[in-house]
Amino acid sequence: MALHNSADSKQLAEHASIWYSLKSAIANSSGFESWKGELAAAEVEALSSDHLVRRYLRETLETLAY
C-alpha cells in the first residue's frame, strides 16, 4: 500500500482542480454541445459529465489523428 505525503496530496488536489476547470470549459463549448447533440438522449443521460468529456476528447483526438 502506497502512502501519500502532503506534497503528493497537494499535487493530486491541483490535478483535480485543473481537470475540473478543463472539463467545465470543454462541457460549455459549442463543439462539445454539438457533439453531444448527435448522441442518443438515453446515452447522454446514462453517462456522467466526466465520461462524456473524456469520450469527446478521445473521439476528437482520434479524428485529428487522421
C-alpha atoms as a PDB file:
ATOM      1  CA  MET A   1       0.000   0.000   0.000  1.00  0.00           C
ATOM      2  CA  ALA A   2       1.483   3.318  -1.054  1.00  0.00           C
ATOM      3  CA  LEU A   3       1.458   6.162   1.422  1.00  0.00           C
ATOM      4  CA  HIS A   4       0.984   9.698   0.151  1.00  0.00           C
ATOM      5  CA  ASN A   5       2.875  12.525   1.736  1.00  0.00           C
ATOM      6  CA  SER A   6       1.498  16.052   1.885  1.00  0.00           C
ATOM      7  CA  ALA A   7       3.305  17.031  -1.353  1.00  0.00           C
ATOM      8  CA  ASP A   8       1.619  14.134  -3.183  1.00  0.00           C
ATOM      9  CA  SER A   9      -1.756  15.097  -1.734  1.00  0.00           C
ATOM     10  CA  LYS A  10      -1.262  18.704  -2.785  1.00  0.00           C
ATOM     11  CA  GLN A  11      -0.310  17.657  -6.316  1.00  0.00           C
ATOM     12  CA  LEU A  12      -3.359  15.391  -6.567  1.00  0.00           C
ATOM     13  CA  ALA A  13      -5.589  18.244  -5.431  1.00  0.00           C
ATOM     14  CA  GLU A  14      -4.014  20.569  -8.014  1.00  0.00           C
ATOM     15  CA  HIS A  15      -4.531  17.993 -10.774  1.00  0.00           C
ATOM     16  CA  ALA A  16      -8.164  17.529  -9.729  1.00  0.00           C
ATOM     17  CA  SER A  17      -8.674  21.287  -9.792  1.00  0.00           C
ATOM     18  CA  ILE A  18      -7.120  21.596 -13.245  1.00  0.00           C
ATOM     19  CA  TRP A  19      -9.232  18.704 -14.584  1.00  0.00           C
ATOM     20  CA  TYR A  20     -12.407  20.250 -13.122  1.00  0.00           C
ATOM     21  CA  SER A  21     -11.644  23.604 -14.799  1.00  0.00           C
ATOM     22  CA  LEU A  22     -10.758  21.970 -18.117  1.00  0.00           C
ATOM     23  CA  LYS A  23     -13.818  19.709 -18.016  1.00  0.00           C
ATOM     24  CA  SER A  24     -16.071  22.693 -17.295  1.00  0.00           C
ATOM     25  CA  ALA A  25     -14.610  24.716 -20.179  1.00  0.00           C
ATOM     26  CA  ILE A  26     -15.000  21.809 -22.599  1.00  0.00           C
ATOM     27  CA  ALA A  27     -18.545  20.992 -21.448  1.00  0.00           C
ATOM     28  CA  ASN A  28     -19.553  24.608 -22.096  1.00  0.00           C
ATOM     29  CA  SER A  29     -18.003  24.757 -25.575  1.00  0.00           C
ATOM     30  CA  SER A  30     -20.111  24.838 -28.727  1.00  0.00           C
ATOM     31  CA  GLY A  31     -18.158  21.895 -30.177  1.00  0.00           C
ATOM     32  CA  PHE A  32     -18.993  19.708 -27.202  1.00  0.00           C
ATOM     33  CA  GLU A  33     -22.646  20.759 -27.258  1.00  0.00           C
ATOM     34  CA  SER A  34     -22.858  19.957 -30.980  1.00  0.00           C
ATOM     35  CA  TRP A  35     -21.159  16.583 -30.487  1.00  0.00           C
ATOM     36  CA  LYS A  36     -23.425  15.751 -27.553  1.00  0.00           C
ATOM     37  CA  GLY A  37     -26.459  16.636 -29.680  1.00  0.00           C
ATOM     38  CA  GLU A  38     -25.514  13.828 -32.065  1.00  0.00           C
ATOM     39  CA  LEU A  39     -25.718  11.214 -29.296  1.00  0.00           C
ATOM     40  CA  ALA A  40     -28.877   9.405 -28.284  1.00  0.00           C
ATOM     41  CA  ALA A  41     -30.630  11.178 -25.406  1.00  0.00           C
ATOM     42  CA  ALA A  42     -30.643   7.990 -23.319  1.00  0.00           C
ATOM     43  CA  GLU A  43     -26.884   7.663 -23.751  1.00  0.00           C
ATOM     44  CA  VAL A  44     -26.272  11.248 -22.634  1.00  0.00           C
ATOM     45  CA  GLU A  45     -28.488  10.757 -19.591  1.00  0.00           C
ATOM     46  CA  ALA A  46     -26.803   7.473 -18.654  1.00  0.00           C
ATOM     47  CA  LEU A  47     -23.242   8.808 -18.721  1.00  0.00           C
ATOM     48  CA  SER A  48     -21.561  11.135 -16.253  1.00  0.00           C
ATOM     49  CA  SER A  49     -20.280  14.504 -17.447  1.00  0.00           C
ATOM     50  CA  ASP A  50     -16.754  13.261 -16.722  1.00  0.00           C
ATOM     51  CA  HIS A  51     -17.260  10.263 -19.012  1.00  0.00           C
ATOM     52  CA  LEU A  52     -18.836  12.371 -21.753  1.00  0.00           C
ATOM     53  CA  VAL A  53     -15.966  14.880 -21.754  1.00  0.00           C
ATOM     54  CA  ARG A  54     -13.353  12.098 -21.808  1.00  0.00           C
ATOM     55  CA  ARG A  55     -15.163  10.403 -24.700  1.00  0.00           C
ATOM     56  CA  TYR A  56     -15.449  13.712 -26.576  1.00  0.00           C
ATOM     57  CA  LEU A  57     -11.725  14.353 -26.133  1.00  0.00           C
ATOM     58  CA  ARG A  58     -10.820  10.814 -27.234  1.00  0.00           C
ATOM     59  CA  GLU A  59     -13.033  10.971 -30.340  1.00  0.00           C
ATOM     60  CA  THR A  60     -11.804  14.475 -31.222  1.00  0.00           C
ATOM     61  CA  LEU A  61      -8.161  13.406 -30.940  1.00  0.00           C
ATOM     62  CA  GLU A  62      -8.844  10.283 -32.998  1.00  0.00           C
ATOM     63  CA  THR A  63     -10.394  12.460 -35.708  1.00  0.00           C
ATOM     64  CA  LEU A  64      -7.451  14.843 -35.656  1.00  0.00           C
ATOM     65  CA  ALA A  65      -5.028  11.917 -35.930  1.00  0.00           C
ATOM     66  CA  TYR A  66      -6.377  11.083 -39.400  1.00  0.00           C
END
